[in-house]
Amino acid sequence: MEIKISVNVNGKNYVREVEPRTLLVHFLRDTLRLTGTHIGCDTSSCGACTIHVDGVAVKSCTMLAVQADGSSITTIEGLAQGAELHPLQEGFKECHGLQCGFCTPGMIMTAADLLAKNPNPSEAEIRHGLEGNFCRCTGYHNIVKAVQYAAEKMGTEVSA
């Protein structure tokens, strides 16, 4: 038995029927073909699947698609404004915050949630905010620099 859900993903409305056991990450990747949300561990440990549901960072491997019914979802594909990168995406590029790139979408979505709550975090607050996301390549130093870059740029854009 499938259940009809209605969601807004990256500003676009979708109505689909899903199996009740379908994880939100699989709905996004397999049904909507938004493959920027990665599947890393299926246990919520790595953070590669992090998205925003109603403005809050959520690990989409721990949420059923039916639980998102009526929600507004933002994935990494919806963060940029057209061809203009979001300051976090730009920061990861400019500060070399990625190597293999597998963790990057989840890191960026987690960092966006952090900056929404705390627009000027300290290095320690950034590191604490990213604790639920694993990166096996970078050692996190440049990821922290990328978040600081974005915080500064976003603060400049607000006051400009």
C-alpha atoms as a PDB file:
ATOM      1  CA  MET A   1       0.000   0.000   0.000  1.00  0.00           C
ATOM      2  CA  GLU A   2       1.436   3.345  -1.023  1.00  0.00           C
ATOM      3  CA  ILE A   3       0.707   6.662   0.664  1.00  0.00           C
ATOM      4  CA  LYS A   4       0.335   9.964  -1.179  1.00  0.00           C
ATOM      5  CA  ILE A   5       2.595  12.740   0.091  1.00  0.00           C
ATOM      6  CA  SER A   6       2.942  16.366  -0.901  1.00  0.00           C
ATOM      7  CA  VAL A   7       6.235  18.180  -0.365  1.00  0.00           C
ATOM      8  CA  ASN A   8       7.915  21.340  -1.538  1.00  0.00           C
ATOM      9  CA  VAL A   9      11.529  20.596  -2.458  1.00  0.00           C
ATOM     10  CA  ASN A  10      13.821  23.451  -3.401  1.00  0.00           C
ATOM     11  CA  GLY A  11      10.833  25.647  -4.183  1.00  0.00           C
ATOM     12  CA  LYS A  12       9.011  23.109  -6.349  1.00  0.00           C
ATOM     13  CA  ASN A  13       5.873  21.228  -5.284  1.00  0.00           C
ATOM     14  CA  TYR A  14       5.718  17.465  -5.666  1.00  0.00           C
ATOM     15  CA  VAL A  15       2.896  14.998  -5.060  1.00  0.00           C
ATOM     16  CA  ARG A  16       4.002  11.382  -5.124  1.00  0.00           C
ATOM     17  CA  GLU A  17       2.943   8.017  -3.788  1.00  0.00           C
ATOM     18  CA  VAL A  18       5.518   6.269  -1.626  1.00  0.00           C
ATOM     19  CA  GLU A  19       5.841   3.065   0.325  1.00  0.00           C
ATOM     20  CA  PRO A  20       5.396   3.848   4.035  1.00  0.00           C
ATOM     21  CA  ARG A  21       8.901   2.514   4.788  1.00  0.00           C
ATOM     22  CA  THR A  22      10.685   4.730   2.198  1.00  0.00           C
ATOM     23  CA  LEU A  23      13.397   6.817   3.789  1.00  0.00           C
ATOM     24  CA  LEU A  24      13.409  10.481   2.877  1.00  0.00           C
ATOM     25  CA  VAL A  25      16.946  10.191   1.484  1.00  0.00           C
ATOM     26  CA  HIS A  26      15.793   7.471  -0.935  1.00  0.00           C
ATOM     27  CA  PHE A  27      12.735   9.499  -1.925  1.00  0.00           C
ATOM     28  CA  LEU A  28      14.965  12.475  -2.768  1.00  0.00           C
ATOM     29  CA  ARG A  29      17.579  10.450  -4.630  1.00  0.00           C
ATOM     30  CA  ASP A  30      15.519   7.737  -6.313  1.00  0.00           C
ATOM     31  CA  THR A  31      12.133   9.366  -6.860  1.00  0.00           C
ATOM     32  CA  LEU A  32      13.065  13.031  -7.378  1.00  0.00           C
ATOM     33  CA  ARG A  33      16.563  12.301  -8.760  1.00  0.00           C
ATOM     34  CA  LEU A  34      18.198  14.862  -6.445  1.00  0.00           C
ATOM     35  CA  THR A  35      21.437  12.966  -5.959  1.00  0.00           C
ATOM     36  CA  GLY A  36      23.375  15.693  -4.158  1.00  0.00           C
ATOM     37  CA  THR A  37      22.087  14.278  -0.880  1.00  0.00           C
ATOM     38  CA  HIS A  38      24.463  11.400  -0.201  1.00  0.00           C
ATOM     39  CA  ILE A  39      23.931   8.095   1.574  1.00  0.00           C
ATOM     40  CA  GLY A  40      26.916   7.330   3.729  1.00  0.00           C
ATOM     41  CA  CYS A  41      26.033   5.110   6.644  1.00  0.00           C
ATOM     42  CA  ASP A  42      22.227   4.704   6.923  1.00  0.00           C
ATOM     43  CA  THR A  43      22.590   5.088  10.702  1.00  0.00           C
ATOM     44  CA  SER A  44      22.744   8.901  11.096  1.00  0.00           C
ATOM     45  CA  SER A  45      26.395   8.776  12.111  1.00  0.00           C
ATOM     46  CA  CYS A  46      28.080  10.431   9.133  1.00  0.00           C
ATOM     47  CA  GLY A  47      25.836  13.388   8.212  1.00  0.00           C
ATOM     48  CA  ALA A  48      26.270  12.987   4.439  1.00  0.00           C
ATOM     49  CA  CYS A  49      22.485  12.938   4.020  1.00  0.00           C
ATOM     50  CA  THR A  50      21.799  16.204   5.869  1.00  0.00           C
ATOM     51  CA  ILE A  51      19.068  18.396   4.373  1.00  0.00           C
ATOM     52  CA  HIS A  52      16.730  21.051   5.758  1.00  0.00           C
ATOM     53  CA  VAL A  53      13.121  20.195   6.575  1.00  0.00           C
ATOM     54  CA  ASP A  54      11.057  23.247   7.425  1.00  0.00           C
ATOM     55  CA  GLY A  55      14.274  25.193   7.968  1.00  0.00           C
ATOM     56  CA  VAL A  56      15.947  22.719  10.325  1.00  0.00           C
ATOM     57  CA  ALA A  57      18.890  20.430   9.533  1.00  0.00           C
ATOM     58  CA  VAL A  58      17.773  16.789   9.438  1.00  0.00           C
ATOM     59  CA  LYS A  59      19.635  13.605   8.619  1.00  0.00           C
ATOM     60  CA  SER A  60      17.378  12.289   5.889  1.00  0.00           C
ATOM     61  CA  CYS A  61      18.407   8.658   6.419  1.00  0.00           C
ATOM     62  CA  THR A  62      16.529   8.741   9.740  1.00  0.00           C
ATOM     63  CA  MET A  63      13.274  10.237   8.493  1.00  0.00           C
ATOM     64  CA  LEU A  64      10.570   8.533   6.502  1.00  0.00           C
ATOM     65  CA  ALA A  65       9.274  10.283   3.399  1.00  0.00           C
ATOM     66  CA  VAL A  66       5.732  10.100   4.798  1.00  0.00           C
ATOM     67  CA  GLN A  67       6.911  12.072   7.839  1.00  0.00           C
ATOM     68  CA  ALA A  68       7.868  14.921   5.482  1.00  0.00           C
ATOM     69  CA  ASP A  69       4.338  15.197   4.076  1.00  0.00           C
ATOM     70  CA  GLY A  70       3.395  18.882   3.911  1.00  0.00           C
ATOM     71  CA  SER A  71       6.957  20.029   4.583  1.00  0.00           C
ATOM     72  CA  SER A  72       9.286  22.392   2.815  1.00  0.00           C
ATOM     73  CA  ILE A  73      12.617  20.706   2.061  1.00  0.00           C
ATOM     74  CA  THR A  74      15.896  22.218   0.926  1.00  0.00           C
ATOM     75  CA  THR A  75      18.672  20.044  -0.451  1.00  0.00           C
ATOM     76  CA  ILE A  76      22.151  21.047  -1.572  1.00  0.00           C
ATOM     77  CA  GLU A  77      20.721  21.546  -5.065  1.00  0.00           C
ATOM     78  CA  GLY A  78      18.405  24.254  -3.738  1.00  0.00           C
ATOM     79  CA  LEU A  79      20.949  26.233  -1.736  1.00  0.00           C
ATOM     80  CA  ALA A  80      22.407  28.292  -4.583  1.00  0.00           C
ATOM     81  CA  GLN A  81      20.435  31.151  -6.104  1.00  0.00           C
ATOM     82  CA  GLY A  82      20.459  30.264  -9.788  1.00  0.00           C
ATOM     83  CA  ALA A  83      24.051  30.317 -11.030  1.00  0.00           C
ATOM     84  CA  GLU A  84      25.251  32.197  -7.938  1.00  0.00           C
ATOM     85  CA  LEU A  85      26.742  29.909  -5.311  1.00  0.00           C
ATOM     86  CA  HIS A  86      25.596  30.171  -1.717  1.00  0.00           C
ATOM     87  CA  PRO A  87      28.380  31.726   0.430  1.00  0.00           C
ATOM     88  CA  LEU A  88      29.009  28.313   2.020  1.00  0.00           C
ATOM     89  CA  GLN A  89      29.420  26.660  -1.373  1.00  0.00           C
ATOM     90  CA  GLU A  90      31.743  29.480  -2.388  1.00  0.00           C
ATOM     91  CA  GLY A  91      33.626  29.162   0.900  1.00  0.00           C
ATOM     92  CA  PHE A  92      34.224  25.442   0.429  1.00  0.00           C
ATOM     93  CA  LYS A  93      35.590  26.203  -3.037  1.00  0.00           C
ATOM     94  CA  GLU A  94      37.733  29.201  -2.042  1.00  0.00           C
ATOM     95  CA  CYS A  95      39.081  27.705   1.195  1.00  0.00           C
ATOM     96  CA  HIS A  96      39.661  24.199  -0.190  1.00  0.00           C
ATOM     97  CA  GLY A  97      37.122  22.745   2.248  1.00  0.00           C
ATOM     98  CA  LEU A  98      36.717  19.553   0.277  1.00  0.00           C
ATOM     99  CA  GLN A  99      38.795  16.805  -1.209  1.00  0.00           C
ATOM    100  CA  CYS A 100      36.754  13.821  -2.332  1.00  0.00           C
ATOM    101  CA  GLY A 101      33.529  15.834  -1.885  1.00  0.00           C
ATOM    102  CA  PHE A 102      31.406  13.018  -0.503  1.00  0.00           C
ATOM    103  CA  CYS A 103      30.720  14.714   2.837  1.00  0.00           C
ATOM    104  CA  THR A 104      30.466  18.207   1.349  1.00  0.00           C
ATOM    105  CA  PRO A 105      26.690  18.462   0.758  1.00  0.00           C
ATOM    106  CA  GLY A 106      25.940  17.336   4.303  1.00  0.00           C
ATOM    107  CA  MET A 107      28.641  19.576   5.761  1.00  0.00           C
ATOM    108  CA  ILE A 108      27.287  22.578   3.875  1.00  0.00           C
ATOM    109  CA  MET A 109      23.680  21.919   4.885  1.00  0.00           C
ATOM    110  CA  THR A 110      24.699  21.459   8.537  1.00  0.00           C
ATOM    111  CA  ALA A 111      26.784  24.630   8.396  1.00  0.00           C
ATOM    112  CA  ALA A 112      23.870  26.553   6.856  1.00  0.00           C
ATOM    113  CA  ASP A 113      21.710  25.500   9.804  1.00  0.00           C
ATOM    114  CA  LEU A 114      24.466  26.563  12.203  1.00  0.00           C
ATOM    115  CA  LEU A 115      24.838  29.984  10.554  1.00  0.00           C
ATOM    116  CA  ALA A 116      21.065  30.503  10.579  1.00  0.00           C
ATOM    117  CA  LYS A 117      21.131  30.052  14.358  1.00  0.00           C
ATOM    118  CA  ASN A 118      24.483  31.740  14.990  1.00  0.00           C
ATOM    119  CA  PRO A 119      25.610  34.097  12.200  1.00  0.00           C
ATOM    120  CA  ASN A 120      29.029  34.733  13.765  1.00  0.00           C
ATOM    121  CA  PRO A 121      30.221  31.497  15.375  1.00  0.00           C
ATOM    122  CA  SER A 122      33.641  31.037  16.924  1.00  0.00           C
ATOM    123  CA  GLU A 123      35.942  28.302  15.664  1.00  0.00           C
ATOM    124  CA  ALA A 124      34.960  26.150  18.641  1.00  0.00           C
ATOM    125  CA  GLU A 125      31.251  26.689  17.916  1.00  0.00           C
ATOM    126  CA  ILE A 126      31.768  25.712  14.265  1.00  0.00           C
ATOM    127  CA  ARG A 127      33.636  22.560  15.245  1.00  0.00           C
ATOM    128  CA  HIS A 128      30.917  21.683  17.766  1.00  0.00           C
ATOM    129  CA  GLY A 129      28.182  22.412  15.207  1.00  0.00           C
ATOM    130  CA  LEU A 130      29.765  20.049  12.691  1.00  0.00           C
ATOM    131  CA  GLU A 131      30.353  17.186  15.156  1.00  0.00           C
ATOM    132  CA  GLY A 132      27.609  15.062  13.596  1.00  0.00           C
ATOM    133  CA  ASN A 133      29.314  15.080  10.186  1.00  0.00           C
ATOM    134  CA  PHE A 134      32.297  12.932   9.263  1.00  0.00           C
ATOM    135  CA  CYS A 135      34.998  13.828   6.788  1.00  0.00           C
ATOM    136  CA  ARG A 136      37.633  11.234   6.075  1.00  0.00           C
ATOM    137  CA  CYS A 137      39.841  13.435   3.887  1.00  0.00           C
ATOM    138  CA  THR A 138      40.360  16.986   5.118  1.00  0.00           C
ATOM    139  CA  GLY A 139      41.042  16.975   8.844  1.00  0.00           C
ATOM    140  CA  TYR A 140      38.294  19.641   9.124  1.00  0.00           C
ATOM    141  CA  HIS A 141      40.676  22.640   9.243  1.00  0.00           C
ATOM    142  CA  ASN A 142      39.682  24.002   5.828  1.00  0.00           C
ATOM    143  CA  ILE A 143      36.035  23.141   6.425  1.00  0.00           C
ATOM    144  CA  VAL A 144      36.087  25.400   9.480  1.00  0.00           C
ATOM    145  CA  LYS A 145      37.793  28.105   7.405  1.00  0.00           C
ATOM    146  CA  ALA A 146      35.086  27.727   4.738  1.00  0.00           C
ATOM    147  CA  VAL A 147      32.329  28.238   7.331  1.00  0.00           C
ATOM    148  CA  GLN A 148      34.161  31.283   8.722  1.00  0.00           C
ATOM    149  CA  TYR A 149      34.482  32.645   5.165  1.00  0.00           C
ATOM    150  CA  ALA A 150      30.743  32.193   4.606  1.00  0.00           C
ATOM    151  CA  ALA A 151      29.836  33.761   7.960  1.00  0.00           C
ATOM    152  CA  GLU A 152      31.934  36.806   7.127  1.00  0.00           C
ATOM    153  CA  LYS A 153      30.518  37.083   3.619  1.00  0.00           C
ATOM    154  CA  MET A 154      26.947  36.629   4.817  1.00  0.00           C
ATOM    155  CA  GLY A 155      27.471  39.247   7.524  1.00  0.00           C
ATOM    156  CA  THR A 156      28.841  41.676   4.946  1.00  0.00           C
ATOM    157  CA  GLU A 157      25.896  41.030   2.605  1.00  0.00           C
ATOM    158  CA  VAL A 158      23.392  41.681   5.419  1.00  0.00           C
ATOM    159  CA  SER A 159      24.996  44.955   6.472  1.00  0.00           C
ATOM    160  CA  ALA A 160      25.697  46.173   2.930  1.00  0.00           C
END
